Amino acid sequence: MNITGNPSGAGKGPAGAALVLLQAFVDIDPETSIEGLTLWHKSGGRSGTWERSECGEMRHQTSASR
């Protein structure tokens, strides 16, 4: 993942889940792989709400921009 800073913690749960699914599928097809994992929305926590724009940029959502 190429996100740094506070929002990066939000990707740890989905990344772990993807690895669990990968482990289940690799028994069926050894060439199974994860090609990409993208965080589109994150809310809660100390850093608040983050949203990925259409161009792929992560932006912190303030109460004025919601």
PDB file of N, CA and C in Angstrom:
ATOM      1  N   MET A   1       0.848  -1.175   0.000  1.00  0.00           N
ATOM      2  CA  MET A   1       0.000   0.000   0.000  1.00  0.00           C
ATOM      3  C   MET A   1       0.887   1.229   0.000  1.00  0.00           C
ATOM      4  N   ASN A   2       0.483   2.253  -0.719  1.00  0.00           N
ATOM      5  CA  ASN A   2       1.322   3.430  -0.803  1.00  0.00           C
ATOM      6  C   ASN A   2       0.769   4.612  -0.030  1.00  0.00           C
ATOM      7  N   ILE A   3      -0.099   4.381   0.926  1.00  0.00           N
ATOM      8  CA  ILE A   3      -0.640   5.448   1.759  1.00  0.00           C
ATOM      9  C   ILE A   3       0.211   5.541   3.015  1.00  0.00           C
ATOM     10  N   THR A   4       0.536   6.749   3.409  1.00  0.00           N
ATOM     11  CA  THR A   4       1.286   6.923   4.645  1.00  0.00           C
ATOM     12  C   THR A   4       0.496   7.807   5.590  1.00  0.00           C
ATOM     13  N   GLY A   5       0.875   7.818   6.845  1.00  0.00           N
ATOM     14  CA  GLY A   5       0.188   8.660   7.817  1.00  0.00           C
ATOM     15  C   GLY A   5      -0.966   7.944   8.478  1.00  0.00           C
ATOM     16  N   ASN A   6      -1.841   8.709   9.117  1.00  0.00           N
ATOM     17  CA  ASN A   6      -2.935   8.137   9.901  1.00  0.00           C
ATOM     18  C   ASN A   6      -3.871   7.224   9.118  1.00  0.00           C
ATOM     19  N   PRO A   7      -4.239   7.533   7.864  1.00  0.00           N
ATOM     20  CA  PRO A   7      -5.185   6.652   7.177  1.00  0.00           C
ATOM     21  C   PRO A   7      -4.631   5.266   6.880  1.00  0.00           C
ATOM     22  N   SER A   8      -3.311   5.088   6.952  1.00  0.00           N
ATOM     23  CA  SER A   8      -2.737   3.793   6.590  1.00  0.00           C
ATOM     24  C   SER A   8      -3.211   2.673   7.515  1.00  0.00           C
ATOM     25  N   GLY A   9      -3.526   2.976   8.762  1.00  0.00           N
ATOM     26  CA  GLY A   9      -4.012   1.959   9.685  1.00  0.00           C
ATOM     27  C   GLY A   9      -5.334   1.365   9.252  1.00  0.00           C
ATOM     28  N   ALA A  10      -6.129   2.113   8.516  1.00  0.00           N
ATOM     29  CA  ALA A  10      -7.433   1.635   8.060  1.00  0.00           C
ATOM     30  C   ALA A  10      -7.306   0.516   7.032  1.00  0.00           C
ATOM     31  N   GLY A  11      -6.169   0.394   6.395  1.00  0.00           N
ATOM     32  CA  GLY A  11      -5.976  -0.646   5.395  1.00  0.00           C
ATOM     33  C   GLY A  11      -5.518  -1.974   5.960  1.00  0.00           C
ATOM     34  N   LYS A  12      -5.150  -2.013   7.225  1.00  0.00           N
ATOM     35  CA  LYS A  12      -4.620  -3.245   7.811  1.00  0.00           C
ATOM     36  C   LYS A  12      -5.672  -4.334   7.926  1.00  0.00           C
ATOM     37  N   GLY A  13      -6.891  -3.990   8.302  1.00  0.00           N
ATOM     38  CA  GLY A  13      -7.964  -4.985   8.405  1.00  0.00           C
ATOM     39  C   GLY A  13      -8.316  -5.590   7.066  1.00  0.00           C
ATOM     40  N   PRO A  14      -8.596  -4.757   6.039  1.00  0.00           N
ATOM     41  CA  PRO A  14      -8.897  -5.315   4.719  1.00  0.00           C
ATOM     42  C   PRO A  14      -7.728  -6.098   4.116  1.00  0.00           C
ATOM     43  N   ALA A  15      -6.498  -5.663   4.367  1.00  0.00           N
ATOM     44  CA  ALA A  15      -5.338  -6.398   3.850  1.00  0.00           C
ATOM     45  C   ALA A  15      -5.255  -7.776   4.506  1.00  0.00           C
ATOM     46  N   GLY A  16      -5.506  -7.835   5.809  1.00  0.00           N
ATOM     47  CA  GLY A  16      -5.507  -9.121   6.512  1.00  0.00           C
ATOM     48  C   GLY A  16      -6.593 -10.043   5.987  1.00  0.00           C
ATOM     49  N   ALA A  17      -7.775  -9.465   5.741  1.00  0.00           N
ATOM     50  CA  ALA A  17      -8.883 -10.263   5.199  1.00  0.00           C
ATOM     51  C   ALA A  17      -8.543 -10.787   3.808  1.00  0.00           C
ATOM     52  N   ALA A  18      -7.896  -9.969   2.999  1.00  0.00           N
ATOM     53  CA  ALA A  18      -7.495 -10.397   1.653  1.00  0.00           C
ATOM     54  C   ALA A  18      -6.501 -11.553   1.726  1.00  0.00           C
ATOM     55  N   LEU A  19      -5.587 -11.498   2.690  1.00  0.00           N
ATOM     56  CA  LEU A  19      -4.623 -12.590   2.840  1.00  0.00           C
ATOM     57  C   LEU A  19      -5.292 -13.890   3.289  1.00  0.00           C
ATOM     58  N   VAL A  20      -6.315 -13.776   4.142  1.00  0.00           N
ATOM     59  CA  VAL A  20      -7.063 -14.969   4.561  1.00  0.00           C
ATOM     60  C   VAL A  20      -7.775 -15.583   3.354  1.00  0.00           C
ATOM     61  N   LEU A  21      -8.405 -14.743   2.524  1.00  0.00           N
ATOM     62  CA  LEU A  21      -9.072 -15.245   1.315  1.00  0.00           C
ATOM     63  C   LEU A  21      -8.061 -15.853   0.350  1.00  0.00           C
ATOM     64  N   LEU A  22      -6.913 -15.205   0.209  1.00  0.00           N
ATOM     65  CA  LEU A  22      -5.873 -15.725  -0.668  1.00  0.00           C
ATOM     66  C   LEU A  22      -5.450 -17.123  -0.224  1.00  0.00           C
ATOM     67  N   GLN A  23      -5.272 -17.302   1.058  1.00  0.00           N
ATOM     68  CA  GLN A  23      -4.865 -18.608   1.583  1.00  0.00           C
ATOM     69  C   GLN A  23      -5.905 -19.678   1.248  1.00  0.00           C
ATOM     70  N   ALA A  24      -7.189 -19.317   1.331  1.00  0.00           N
ATOM     71  CA  ALA A  24      -8.254 -20.272   1.015  1.00  0.00           C
ATOM     72  C   ALA A  24      -8.260 -20.623  -0.477  1.00  0.00           C
ATOM     73  N   PHE A  25      -8.042 -19.635  -1.341  1.00  0.00           N
ATOM     74  CA  PHE A  25      -8.110 -19.871  -2.786  1.00  0.00           C
ATOM     75  C   PHE A  25      -6.846 -20.504  -3.356  1.00  0.00           C
ATOM     76  N   VAL A  26      -5.706 -20.286  -2.720  1.00  0.00           N
ATOM     77  CA  VAL A  26      -4.455 -20.819  -3.260  1.00  0.00           C
ATOM     78  C   VAL A  26      -4.445 -22.348  -3.235  1.00  0.00           C
ATOM     79  N   ASP A  27      -5.217 -22.951  -2.344  1.00  0.00           N
ATOM     80  CA  ASP A  27      -5.342 -24.414  -2.344  1.00  0.00           C
ATOM     81  C   ASP A  27      -6.051 -24.901  -3.605  1.00  0.00           C
ATOM     82  N   ILE A  28      -6.982 -24.098  -4.113  1.00  0.00           N
ATOM     83  CA  ILE A  28      -7.725 -24.451  -5.323  1.00  0.00           C
ATOM     84  C   ILE A  28      -6.915 -24.110  -6.572  1.00  0.00           C
ATOM     85  N   ASP A  29      -6.309 -22.912  -6.563  1.00  0.00           N
ATOM     86  CA  ASP A  29      -5.502 -22.448  -7.700  1.00  0.00           C
ATOM     87  C   ASP A  29      -4.208 -21.844  -7.173  1.00  0.00           C
ATOM     88  N   PRO A  30      -3.091 -22.548  -7.279  1.00  0.00           N
ATOM     89  CA  PRO A  30      -1.822 -22.065  -6.734  1.00  0.00           C
ATOM     90  C   PRO A  30      -1.340 -20.745  -7.345  1.00  0.00           C
ATOM     91  N   GLU A  31      -1.882 -20.358  -8.495  1.00  0.00           N
ATOM     92  CA  GLU A  31      -1.459 -19.111  -9.136  1.00  0.00           C
ATOM     93  C   GLU A  31      -2.316 -17.914  -8.719  1.00  0.00           C
ATOM     94  N   THR A  32      -3.204 -18.099  -7.756  1.00  0.00           N
ATOM     95  CA  THR A  32      -4.041 -17.018  -7.250  1.00  0.00           C
ATOM     96  C   THR A  32      -3.163 -15.922  -6.662  1.00  0.00           C
ATOM     97  N   SER A  33      -3.529 -14.676  -6.922  1.00  0.00           N
ATOM     98  CA  SER A  33      -2.755 -13.557  -6.368  1.00  0.00           C
ATOM     99  C   SER A  33      -3.672 -12.379  -6.063  1.00  0.00           C
ATOM    100  N   ILE A  34      -3.182 -11.485  -5.245  1.00  0.00           N
ATOM    101  CA  ILE A  34      -3.869 -10.225  -4.972  1.00  0.00           C
ATOM    102  C   ILE A  34      -3.177  -9.176  -5.829  1.00  0.00           C
ATOM    103  N   GLU A  35      -3.917  -8.582  -6.738  1.00  0.00           N
ATOM    104  CA  GLU A  35      -3.332  -7.621  -7.665  1.00  0.00           C
ATOM    105  C   GLU A  35      -3.353  -6.196  -7.128  1.00  0.00           C
ATOM    106  N   GLY A  36      -4.312  -5.875  -6.295  1.00  0.00           N
ATOM    107  CA  GLY A  36      -4.376  -4.517  -5.768  1.00  0.00           C
ATOM    108  C   GLY A  36      -5.376  -4.417  -4.633  1.00  0.00           C
ATOM    109  N   LEU A  37      -5.133  -3.470  -3.753  1.00  0.00           N
ATOM    110  CA  LEU A  37      -6.020  -3.217  -2.629  1.00  0.00           C
ATOM    111  C   LEU A  37      -6.061  -1.708  -2.439  1.00  0.00           C
ATOM    112  N   THR A  38      -7.234  -1.111  -2.549  1.00  0.00           N
ATOM    113  CA  THR A  38      -7.368   0.339  -2.477  1.00  0.00           C
ATOM    114  C   THR A  38      -8.380   0.730  -1.420  1.00  0.00           C
ATOM    115  N   LEU A  39      -8.005   1.648  -0.567  1.00  0.00           N
ATOM    116  CA  LEU A  39      -8.900   2.201   0.448  1.00  0.00           C
ATOM    117  C   LEU A  39      -9.640   3.390  -0.165  1.00  0.00           C
ATOM    118  N   TRP A  40     -10.989   3.321  -0.210  1.00  0.00           N
ATOM    119  CA  TRP A  40     -11.783   4.392  -0.806  1.00  0.00           C
ATOM    120  C   TRP A  40     -12.424   5.293   0.237  1.00  0.00           C
ATOM    121  N   HIS A  41     -12.718   4.773   1.399  1.00  0.00           N
ATOM    122  CA  HIS A  41     -13.371   5.573   2.436  1.00  0.00           C
ATOM    123  C   HIS A  41     -12.926   5.065   3.797  1.00  0.00           C
ATOM    124  N   LYS A  42     -12.646   5.999   4.695  1.00  0.00           N
ATOM    125  CA  LYS A  42     -12.279   5.660   6.062  1.00  0.00           C
ATOM    126  C   LYS A  42     -12.954   6.657   6.972  1.00  0.00           C
ATOM    127  N   SER A  43     -13.599   6.165   8.026  1.00  0.00           N
ATOM    128  CA  SER A  43     -14.242   7.080   8.970  1.00  0.00           C
ATOM    129  C   SER A  43     -13.969   6.618  10.390  1.00  0.00           C
ATOM    130  N   GLY A  44     -14.034   7.562  11.314  1.00  0.00           N
ATOM    131  CA  GLY A  44     -13.803   7.246  12.718  1.00  0.00           C
ATOM    132  C   GLY A  44     -12.333   7.309  13.077  1.00  0.00           C
ATOM    133  N   GLY A  45     -12.073   7.104  14.335  1.00  0.00           N
ATOM    134  CA  GLY A  45     -10.696   7.141  14.798  1.00  0.00           C
ATOM    135  C   GLY A  45     -10.195   8.555  15.004  1.00  0.00           C
ATOM    136  N   ARG A  46      -8.961   8.644  15.431  1.00  0.00           N
ATOM    137  CA  ARG A  46      -8.369   9.936  15.757  1.00  0.00           C
ATOM    138  C   ARG A  46      -8.227  10.851  14.539  1.00  0.00           C
ATOM    139  N   SER A  47      -7.981  10.282  13.364  1.00  0.00           N
ATOM    140  CA  SER A  47      -7.764  11.121  12.179  1.00  0.00           C
ATOM    141  C   SER A  47      -9.051  11.500  11.459  1.00  0.00           C
ATOM    142  N   GLY A  48     -10.193  10.973  11.894  1.00  0.00           N
ATOM    143  CA  GLY A  48     -11.471  11.370  11.296  1.00  0.00           C
ATOM    144  C   GLY A  48     -11.781  10.649  10.001  1.00  0.00           C
ATOM    145  N   THR A  49     -12.466  11.349   9.110  1.00  0.00           N
ATOM    146  CA  THR A  49     -12.958  10.768   7.863  1.00  0.00           C
ATOM    147  C   THR A  49     -12.053  11.144   6.693  1.00  0.00           C
ATOM    148  N   TRP A  50     -11.744  10.136   5.866  1.00  0.00           N
ATOM    149  CA  TRP A  50     -10.941  10.329   4.654  1.00  0.00           C
ATOM    150  C   TRP A  50     -11.719   9.739   3.489  1.00  0.00           C
ATOM    151  N   GLU A  51     -11.598  10.343   2.335  1.00  0.00           N
ATOM    152  CA  GLU A  51     -12.307   9.918   1.135  1.00  0.00           C
ATOM    153  C   GLU A  51     -11.335   9.965  -0.040  1.00  0.00           C
ATOM    154  N   ARG A  52     -11.344   8.948  -0.904  1.00  0.00           N
ATOM    155  CA  ARG A  52     -10.508   8.954  -2.108  1.00  0.00           C
ATOM    156  C   ARG A  52     -11.291   9.600  -3.238  1.00  0.00           C
ATOM    157  N   SER A  53     -10.677  10.571  -3.909  1.00  0.00           N
ATOM    158  CA  SER A  53     -11.333  11.249  -5.030  1.00  0.00           C
ATOM    159  C   SER A  53     -11.274  10.370  -6.274  1.00  0.00           C
ATOM    160  N   GLU A  54     -11.985  10.769  -7.317  1.00  0.00           N
ATOM    161  CA  GLU A  54     -12.002  10.023  -8.574  1.00  0.00           C
ATOM    162  C   GLU A  54     -10.606   9.904  -9.177  1.00  0.00           C
ATOM    163  N   CYS A  55      -9.751  10.922  -8.938  1.00  0.00           N
ATOM    164  CA  CYS A  55      -8.384  10.882  -9.489  1.00  0.00           C
ATOM    165  C   CYS A  55      -7.448  10.040  -8.627  1.00  0.00           C
ATOM    166  N   GLY A  56      -7.937   9.522  -7.487  1.00  0.00           N
ATOM    167  CA  GLY A  56      -7.142   8.639  -6.654  1.00  0.00           C
ATOM    168  C   GLY A  56      -6.468   9.295  -5.465  1.00  0.00           C
ATOM    169  N   GLU A  57      -6.689  10.567  -5.258  1.00  0.00           N
ATOM    170  CA  GLU A  57      -6.061  11.286  -4.149  1.00  0.00           C
ATOM    171  C   GLU A  57      -6.883  11.136  -2.875  1.00  0.00           C
ATOM    172  N   MET A  58      -6.209  10.822  -1.753  1.00  0.00           N
ATOM    173  CA  MET A  58      -6.891  10.733  -0.460  1.00  0.00           C
ATOM    174  C   MET A  58      -7.045  12.129   0.118  1.00  0.00           C
ATOM    175  N   ARG A  59      -8.258  12.478   0.537  1.00  0.00           N
ATOM    176  CA  ARG A  59      -8.524  13.792   1.103  1.00  0.00           C
ATOM    177  C   ARG A  59      -9.204  13.661   2.440  1.00  0.00           C
ATOM    178  N   HIS A  60      -8.753  14.462   3.389  1.00  0.00           N
ATOM    179  CA  HIS A  60      -9.355  14.512   4.715  1.00  0.00           C
ATOM    180  C   HIS A  60     -10.654  15.289   4.603  1.00  0.00           C
ATOM    181  N   GLN A  61     -11.741  14.718   5.100  1.00  0.00           N
ATOM    182  CA  GLN A  61     -13.052  15.361   5.038  1.00  0.00           C
ATOM    183  C   GLN A  61     -13.275  16.164   6.325  1.00  0.00           C
ATOM    184  N   THR A  62     -13.495  17.446   6.175  1.00  0.00           N
ATOM    185  CA  THR A  62     -13.850  18.273   7.319  1.00  0.00           C
ATOM    186  C   THR A  62     -15.352  18.449   7.316  1.00  0.00           C
ATOM    187  N   SER A  63     -15.906  18.975   8.390  1.00  0.00           N
ATOM    188  CA  SER A  63     -17.359  19.144   8.449  1.00  0.00           C
ATOM    189  C   SER A  63     -17.858  20.066   7.334  1.00  0.00           C
ATOM    190  N   ALA A  64     -17.031  20.996   6.861  1.00  0.00           N
ATOM    191  CA  ALA A  64     -17.436  21.911   5.799  1.00  0.00           C
ATOM    192  C   ALA A  64     -17.436  21.234   4.430  1.00  0.00           C
ATOM    193  N   SER A  65     -16.618  20.173   4.232  1.00  0.00           N
ATOM    194  CA  SER A  65     -16.509  19.556   2.912  1.00  0.00           C
ATOM    195  C   SER A  65     -17.383  18.325   2.759  1.00  0.00           C
ATOM    196  N   ARG A  66     -18.173  17.965   3.729  1.00  0.00           N
ATOM    197  CA  ARG A  66     -19.040  16.785   3.628  1.00  0.00           C
ATOM    198  C   ARG A  66     -20.286  17.059   2.887  1.00  0.00           C
TER     199      ARG A  66
END
